Amino acid sequence: MARLTPVSWREFVHRMRELGFEGPLAGGRHPQMRRGDLTVIIPNPHEGDIGVGLLRRILLQAGVTREEWLGEE
């Protein structure tokens, strides 16, 4: 069983697009990504990686399993 690891903002957006999300779209203070009727707020681009805790919370809101994210399905 592979573990979640920190990811760059660019890699995060790339993986979300592979999972069927559109964006990032402008949406107030933070960008958004959409898949159908589901809208997920994502962090602003910055130099550091997106940590495992934040990544886990975003994936939970997006309805994406750890296995889907890691490509194990």
PDB file of N, CA and C in Angstrom:
ATOM      1  N   MET A   1       0.841  -1.165   0.000  1.00  0.00           N
ATOM      2  CA  MET A   1       0.000   0.000   0.000  1.00  0.00           C
ATOM      3  C   MET A   1       0.896   1.241   0.000  1.00  0.00           C
ATOM      4  N   ALA A   2       0.812   2.027  -1.066  1.00  0.00           N
ATOM      5  CA  ALA A   2       1.613   3.247  -1.174  1.00  0.00           C
ATOM      6  C   ALA A   2       1.029   4.348  -0.298  1.00  0.00           C
ATOM      7  N   ARG A   3       1.868   5.288   0.066  1.00  0.00           N
ATOM      8  CA  ARG A   3       1.452   6.384   0.935  1.00  0.00           C
ATOM      9  C   ARG A   3       1.318   7.668   0.122  1.00  0.00           C
ATOM     10  N   LEU A   4       0.470   8.560   0.616  1.00  0.00           N
ATOM     11  CA  LEU A   4       0.401   9.896   0.039  1.00  0.00           C
ATOM     12  C   LEU A   4       1.686  10.632   0.379  1.00  0.00           C
ATOM     13  N   THR A   5       2.156  11.442  -0.541  1.00  0.00           N
ATOM     14  CA  THR A   5       3.347  12.248  -0.317  1.00  0.00           C
ATOM     15  C   THR A   5       3.036  13.689  -0.717  1.00  0.00           C
ATOM     16  N   PRO A   6       3.788  14.654  -0.209  1.00  0.00           N
ATOM     17  CA  PRO A   6       3.581  16.039  -0.635  1.00  0.00           C
ATOM     18  C   PRO A   6       3.755  16.166  -2.150  1.00  0.00           C
ATOM     19  N   VAL A   7       2.976  17.068  -2.757  1.00  0.00           N
ATOM     20  CA  VAL A   7       3.059  17.280  -4.206  1.00  0.00           C
ATOM     21  C   VAL A   7       3.159  18.774  -4.492  1.00  0.00           C
ATOM     22  N   SER A   8       3.779  19.094  -5.611  1.00  0.00           N
ATOM     23  CA  SER A   8       3.832  20.492  -6.033  1.00  0.00           C
ATOM     24  C   SER A   8       2.442  20.907  -6.515  1.00  0.00           C
ATOM     25  N   TRP A   9       2.193  22.205  -6.558  1.00  0.00           N
ATOM     26  CA  TRP A   9       0.901  22.713  -7.016  1.00  0.00           C
ATOM     27  C   TRP A   9       0.649  22.267  -8.453  1.00  0.00           C
ATOM     28  N   ARG A  10       1.688  22.353  -9.271  1.00  0.00           N
ATOM     29  CA  ARG A  10       1.576  21.976 -10.682  1.00  0.00           C
ATOM     30  C   ARG A  10       1.200  20.493 -10.844  1.00  0.00           C
ATOM     31  N   GLU A  11       1.868  19.629 -10.090  1.00  0.00           N
ATOM     32  CA  GLU A  11       1.574  18.193 -10.143  1.00  0.00           C
ATOM     33  C   GLU A  11       0.163  17.922  -9.631  1.00  0.00           C
ATOM     34  N   PHE A  12      -0.252  18.639  -8.589  1.00  0.00           N
ATOM     35  CA  PHE A  12      -1.601  18.490  -8.053  1.00  0.00           C
ATOM     36  C   PHE A  12      -2.642  18.793  -9.129  1.00  0.00           C
ATOM     37  N   VAL A  13      -2.486  19.931  -9.812  1.00  0.00           N
ATOM     38  CA  VAL A  13      -3.436  20.322 -10.861  1.00  0.00           C
ATOM     39  C   VAL A  13      -3.430  19.293 -11.987  1.00  0.00           C
ATOM     40  N   HIS A  14      -2.260  18.831 -12.373  1.00  0.00           N
ATOM     41  CA  HIS A  14      -2.143  17.823 -13.435  1.00  0.00           C
ATOM     42  C   HIS A  14      -2.909  16.543 -13.072  1.00  0.00           C
ATOM     43  N   ARG A  15      -2.718  16.054 -11.855  1.00  0.00           N
ATOM     44  CA  ARG A  15      -3.401  14.825 -11.415  1.00  0.00           C
ATOM     45  C   ARG A  15      -4.910  15.026 -11.336  1.00  0.00           C
ATOM     46  N   MET A  16      -5.349  16.195 -10.841  1.00  0.00           N
ATOM     47  CA  MET A  16      -6.787  16.466 -10.755  1.00  0.00           C
ATOM     48  C   MET A  16      -7.409  16.483 -12.149  1.00  0.00           C
ATOM     49  N   ARG A  17      -6.710  17.038 -13.120  1.00  0.00           N
ATOM     50  CA  ARG A  17      -7.216  17.030 -14.502  1.00  0.00           C
ATOM     51  C   ARG A  17      -7.309  15.602 -15.025  1.00  0.00           C
ATOM     52  N   GLU A  18      -6.324  14.777 -14.711  1.00  0.00           N
ATOM     53  CA  GLU A  18      -6.375  13.369 -15.120  1.00  0.00           C
ATOM     54  C   GLU A  18      -7.584  12.660 -14.517  1.00  0.00           C
ATOM     55  N   LEU A  19      -8.032  13.116 -13.347  1.00  0.00           N
ATOM     56  CA  LEU A  19      -9.178  12.517 -12.661  1.00  0.00           C
ATOM     57  C   LEU A  19     -10.497  13.147 -13.088  1.00  0.00           C
ATOM     58  N   GLY A  20     -10.475  14.001 -14.121  1.00  0.00           N
ATOM     59  CA  GLY A  20     -11.704  14.538 -14.690  1.00  0.00           C
ATOM     60  C   GLY A  20     -12.104  15.922 -14.226  1.00  0.00           C
ATOM     61  N   PHE A  21     -11.254  16.603 -13.482  1.00  0.00           N
ATOM     62  CA  PHE A  21     -11.572  17.951 -13.018  1.00  0.00           C
ATOM     63  C   PHE A  21     -11.131  18.978 -14.052  1.00  0.00           C
ATOM     64  N   GLU A  22     -11.874  20.083 -14.126  1.00  0.00           N
ATOM     65  CA  GLU A  22     -11.535  21.199 -15.002  1.00  0.00           C
ATOM     66  C   GLU A  22     -10.973  22.325 -14.156  1.00  0.00           C
ATOM     67  N   GLY A  23     -10.078  23.092 -14.721  1.00  0.00           N
ATOM     68  CA  GLY A  23      -9.552  24.238 -13.993  1.00  0.00           C
ATOM     69  C   GLY A  23      -8.045  24.197 -13.950  1.00  0.00           C
ATOM     70  N   PRO A  24      -7.483  25.039 -13.146  1.00  0.00           N
ATOM     71  CA  PRO A  24      -8.079  25.848 -12.091  1.00  0.00           C
ATOM     72  C   PRO A  24      -8.811  27.064 -12.648  1.00  0.00           C
ATOM     73  N   LEU A  25      -9.911  27.398 -12.007  1.00  0.00           N
ATOM     74  CA  LEU A  25     -10.751  28.520 -12.385  1.00  0.00           C
ATOM     75  C   LEU A  25     -10.655  29.588 -11.306  1.00  0.00           C
ATOM     76  N   ALA A  26     -10.758  30.852 -11.720  1.00  0.00           N
ATOM     77  CA  ALA A  26     -10.744  31.946 -10.746  1.00  0.00           C
ATOM     78  C   ALA A  26     -11.994  31.844  -9.889  1.00  0.00           C
ATOM     79  N   GLY A  27     -11.836  32.068  -8.592  1.00  0.00           N
ATOM     80  CA  GLY A  27     -12.989  31.955  -7.708  1.00  0.00           C
ATOM     81  C   GLY A  27     -12.779  32.680  -6.401  1.00  0.00           C
ATOM     82  N   GLY A  28     -12.632  33.976  -6.445  1.00  0.00           N
ATOM     83  CA  GLY A  28     -12.418  34.705  -5.200  1.00  0.00           C
ATOM     84  C   GLY A  28     -10.968  34.650  -4.774  1.00  0.00           C
ATOM     85  N   ARG A  29     -10.749  34.335  -3.508  1.00  0.00           N
ATOM     86  CA  ARG A  29      -9.384  34.336  -2.980  1.00  0.00           C
ATOM     87  C   ARG A  29      -8.581  33.106  -3.380  1.00  0.00           C
ATOM     88  N   HIS A  30      -9.259  32.014  -3.706  1.00  0.00           N
ATOM     89  CA  HIS A  30      -8.568  30.775  -4.057  1.00  0.00           C
ATOM     90  C   HIS A  30      -9.127  30.227  -5.364  1.00  0.00           C
ATOM     91  N   PRO A  31      -8.273  29.580  -6.173  1.00  0.00           N
ATOM     92  CA  PRO A  31      -8.763  28.948  -7.394  1.00  0.00           C
ATOM     93  C   PRO A  31      -9.656  27.755  -7.076  1.00  0.00           C
ATOM     94  N   GLN A  32     -10.431  27.349  -8.062  1.00  0.00           N
ATOM     95  CA  GLN A  32     -11.344  26.220  -7.912  1.00  0.00           C
ATOM     96  C   GLN A  32     -11.115  25.237  -9.046  1.00  0.00           C
ATOM     97  N   MET A  33     -11.486  23.990  -8.793  1.00  0.00           N
ATOM     98  CA  MET A  33     -11.521  22.976  -9.843  1.00  0.00           C
ATOM     99  C   MET A  33     -12.898  22.340  -9.787  1.00  0.00           C
ATOM    100  N   ARG A  34     -13.420  21.979 -10.968  1.00  0.00           N
ATOM    101  CA  ARG A  34     -14.777  21.444 -11.036  1.00  0.00           C
ATOM    102  C   ARG A  34     -14.818  20.132 -11.806  1.00  0.00           C
ATOM    103  N   ARG A  35     -15.739  19.281 -11.343  1.00  0.00           N
ATOM    104  CA  ARG A  35     -16.077  18.044 -12.056  1.00  0.00           C
ATOM    105  C   ARG A  35     -17.579  17.908 -11.906  1.00  0.00           C
ATOM    106  N   GLY A  36     -18.307  18.133 -12.998  1.00  0.00           N
ATOM    107  CA  GLY A  36     -19.763  18.114 -12.933  1.00  0.00           C
ATOM    108  C   GLY A  36     -20.255  19.229 -12.031  1.00  0.00           C
ATOM    109  N   ASP A  37     -21.099  18.886 -11.064  1.00  0.00           N
ATOM    110  CA  ASP A  37     -21.642  19.868 -10.124  1.00  0.00           C
ATOM    111  C   ASP A  37     -20.738  20.090  -8.915  1.00  0.00           C
ATOM    112  N   LEU A  38     -19.671  19.333  -8.803  1.00  0.00           N
ATOM    113  CA  LEU A  38     -18.779  19.415  -7.645  1.00  0.00           C
ATOM    114  C   LEU A  38     -17.706  20.484  -7.867  1.00  0.00           C
ATOM    115  N   THR A  39     -17.586  21.399  -6.923  1.00  0.00           N
ATOM    116  CA  THR A  39     -16.550  22.436  -6.957  1.00  0.00           C
ATOM    117  C   THR A  39     -15.647  22.250  -5.748  1.00  0.00           C
ATOM    118  N   VAL A  40     -14.348  22.225  -5.995  1.00  0.00           N
ATOM    119  CA  VAL A  40     -13.363  22.046  -4.930  1.00  0.00           C
ATOM    120  C   VAL A  40     -12.444  23.264  -4.919  1.00  0.00           C
ATOM    121  N   ILE A  41     -12.319  23.883  -3.752  1.00  0.00           N
ATOM    122  CA  ILE A  41     -11.404  25.011  -3.579  1.00  0.00           C
ATOM    123  C   ILE A  41      -9.994  24.447  -3.399  1.00  0.00           C
ATOM    124  N   ILE A  42      -9.035  24.998  -4.138  1.00  0.00           N
ATOM    125  CA  ILE A  42      -7.660  24.515  -4.031  1.00  0.00           C
ATOM    126  C   ILE A  42      -6.756  25.652  -3.553  1.00  0.00           C
ATOM    127  N   PRO A  43      -5.584  25.326  -3.019  1.00  0.00           N
ATOM    128  CA  PRO A  43      -4.689  26.375  -2.539  1.00  0.00           C
ATOM    129  C   PRO A  43      -4.138  27.216  -3.688  1.00  0.00           C
ATOM    130  N   ASN A  44      -3.752  28.439  -3.359  1.00  0.00           N
ATOM    131  CA  ASN A  44      -3.089  29.299  -4.335  1.00  0.00           C
ATOM    132  C   ASN A  44      -1.722  28.719  -4.675  1.00  0.00           C
ATOM    133  N   PRO A  45      -1.241  28.970  -5.903  1.00  0.00           N
ATOM    134  CA  PRO A  45       0.102  28.507  -6.247  1.00  0.00           C
ATOM    135  C   PRO A  45       1.134  29.177  -5.340  1.00  0.00           C
ATOM    136  N   HIS A  46       2.089  28.413  -4.872  1.00  0.00           N
ATOM    137  CA  HIS A  46       3.167  28.941  -4.052  1.00  0.00           C
ATOM    138  C   HIS A  46       4.389  28.049  -4.226  1.00  0.00           C
ATOM    139  N   GLU A  47       5.496  28.458  -3.669  1.00  0.00           N
ATOM    140  CA  GLU A  47       6.743  27.728  -3.893  1.00  0.00           C
ATOM    141  C   GLU A  47       6.800  26.380  -3.208  1.00  0.00           C
ATOM    142  N   GLY A  48       6.189  26.240  -2.047  1.00  0.00           N
ATOM    143  CA  GLY A  48       6.266  24.982  -1.316  1.00  0.00           C
ATOM    144  C   GLY A  48       5.289  23.940  -1.849  1.00  0.00           C
ATOM    145  N   ASP A  49       5.489  22.713  -1.424  1.00  0.00           N
ATOM    146  CA  ASP A  49       4.589  21.624  -1.805  1.00  0.00           C
ATOM    147  C   ASP A  49       3.301  21.669  -0.995  1.00  0.00           C
ATOM    148  N   ILE A  50       2.272  21.012  -1.525  1.00  0.00           N
ATOM    149  CA  ILE A  50       1.024  20.812  -0.792  1.00  0.00           C
ATOM    150  C   ILE A  50       1.267  19.613   0.118  1.00  0.00           C
ATOM    151  N   GLY A  51       1.141  19.818   1.413  1.00  0.00           N
ATOM    152  CA  GLY A  51       1.423  18.773   2.389  1.00  0.00           C
ATOM    153  C   GLY A  51       0.386  17.661   2.374  1.00  0.00           C
ATOM    154  N   VAL A  52       0.729  16.558   2.997  1.00  0.00           N
ATOM    155  CA  VAL A  52      -0.129  15.374   3.020  1.00  0.00           C
ATOM    156  C   VAL A  52      -1.467  15.665   3.698  1.00  0.00           C
ATOM    157  N   GLY A  53      -1.462  16.406   4.806  1.00  0.00           N
ATOM    158  CA  GLY A  53      -2.705  16.703   5.514  1.00  0.00           C
ATOM    159  C   GLY A  53      -3.678  17.494   4.662  1.00  0.00           C
ATOM    160  N   LEU A  54      -3.197  18.554   4.019  1.00  0.00           N
ATOM    161  CA  LEU A  54      -4.054  19.365   3.149  1.00  0.00           C
ATOM    162  C   LEU A  54      -4.488  18.557   1.935  1.00  0.00           C
ATOM    163  N   LEU A  55      -3.579  17.794   1.355  1.00  0.00           N
ATOM    164  CA  LEU A  55      -3.915  16.955   0.209  1.00  0.00           C
ATOM    165  C   LEU A  55      -5.029  15.983   0.570  1.00  0.00           C
ATOM    166  N   ARG A  56      -4.933  15.349   1.721  1.00  0.00           N
ATOM    167  CA  ARG A  56      -5.950  14.396   2.174  1.00  0.00           C
ATOM    168  C   ARG A  56      -7.315  15.082   2.304  1.00  0.00           C
ATOM    169  N   ARG A  57      -7.341  16.293   2.881  1.00  0.00           N
ATOM    170  CA  ARG A  57      -8.608  17.023   3.044  1.00  0.00           C
ATOM    171  C   ARG A  57      -9.211  17.419   1.701  1.00  0.00           C
ATOM    172  N   ILE A  58      -8.381  17.849   0.758  1.00  0.00           N
ATOM    173  CA  ILE A  58      -8.882  18.227  -0.566  1.00  0.00           C
ATOM    174  C   ILE A  58      -9.446  17.002  -1.280  1.00  0.00           C
ATOM    175  N   LEU A  59      -8.736  15.884  -1.222  1.00  0.00           N
ATOM    176  CA  LEU A  59      -9.208  14.665  -1.886  1.00  0.00           C
ATOM    177  C   LEU A  59     -10.519  14.189  -1.280  1.00  0.00           C
ATOM    178  N   LEU A  60     -10.672  14.308   0.029  1.00  0.00           N
ATOM    179  CA  LEU A  60     -11.918  13.927   0.694  1.00  0.00           C
ATOM    180  C   LEU A  60     -13.072  14.784   0.178  1.00  0.00           C
ATOM    181  N   GLN A  61     -12.871  16.096   0.089  1.00  0.00           N
ATOM    182  CA  GLN A  61     -13.907  16.992  -0.427  1.00  0.00           C
ATOM    183  C   GLN A  61     -14.226  16.694  -1.883  1.00  0.00           C
ATOM    184  N   ALA A  62     -13.211  16.270  -2.643  1.00  0.00           N
ATOM    185  CA  ALA A  62     -13.383  15.996  -4.068  1.00  0.00           C
ATOM    186  C   ALA A  62     -13.960  14.607  -4.330  1.00  0.00           C
ATOM    187  N   GLY A  63     -14.054  13.775  -3.302  1.00  0.00           N
ATOM    188  CA  GLY A  63     -14.557  12.420  -3.485  1.00  0.00           C
ATOM    189  C   GLY A  63     -13.573  11.514  -4.201  1.00  0.00           C
ATOM    190  N   VAL A  64     -12.285  11.822  -4.076  1.00  0.00           N
ATOM    191  CA  VAL A  64     -11.229  11.039  -4.719  1.00  0.00           C
ATOM    192  C   VAL A  64     -10.579  10.163  -3.656  1.00  0.00           C
ATOM    193  N   THR A  65     -10.524   8.868  -3.905  1.00  0.00           N
ATOM    194  CA  THR A  65      -9.907   7.959  -2.944  1.00  0.00           C
ATOM    195  C   THR A  65      -8.385   8.019  -3.059  1.00  0.00           C
ATOM    196  N   ARG A  66      -7.720   7.553  -2.022  1.00  0.00           N
ATOM    197  CA  ARG A  66      -6.257   7.480  -2.040  1.00  0.00           C
ATOM    198  C   ARG A  66      -5.787   6.608  -3.196  1.00  0.00           C
ATOM    199  N   GLU A  67      -6.503   5.503  -3.423  1.00  0.00           N
ATOM    200  CA  GLU A  67      -6.133   4.582  -4.499  1.00  0.00           C
ATOM    201  C   GLU A  67      -6.261   5.248  -5.868  1.00  0.00           C
ATOM    202  N   GLU A  68      -7.341   6.019  -6.071  1.00  0.00           N
ATOM    203  CA  GLU A  68      -7.504   6.739  -7.338  1.00  0.00           C
ATOM    204  C   GLU A  68      -6.361   7.734  -7.524  1.00  0.00           C
ATOM    205  N   TRP A  69      -6.053   8.487  -6.465  1.00  0.00           N
ATOM    206  CA  TRP A  69      -5.004   9.497  -6.543  1.00  0.00           C
ATOM    207  C   TRP A  69      -3.661   8.868  -6.903  1.00  0.00           C
ATOM    208  N   LEU A  70      -3.374   7.718  -6.308  1.00  0.00           N
ATOM    209  CA  LEU A  70      -2.090   7.055  -6.529  1.00  0.00           C
ATOM    210  C   LEU A  70      -2.086   6.177  -7.775  1.00  0.00           C
ATOM    211  N   GLY A  71      -3.236   6.073  -8.451  1.00  0.00           N
ATOM    212  CA  GLY A  71      -3.314   5.275  -9.668  1.00  0.00           C
ATOM    213  C   GLY A  71      -3.295   3.788  -9.422  1.00  0.00           C
ATOM    214  N   GLU A  72      -3.816   3.352  -8.272  1.00  0.00           N
ATOM    215  CA  GLU A  72      -3.803   1.929  -7.921  1.00  0.00           C
ATOM    216  C   GLU A  72      -5.068   1.209  -8.347  1.00  0.00           C
ATOM    217  N   GLU A  73      -6.008   1.915  -8.932  1.00  0.00           N
ATOM    218  CA  GLU A  73      -7.252   1.246  -9.345  1.00  0.00           C
ATOM    219  C   GLU A  73      -7.206   0.883 -10.801  1.00  0.00           C
TER     220      GLU A  73
END
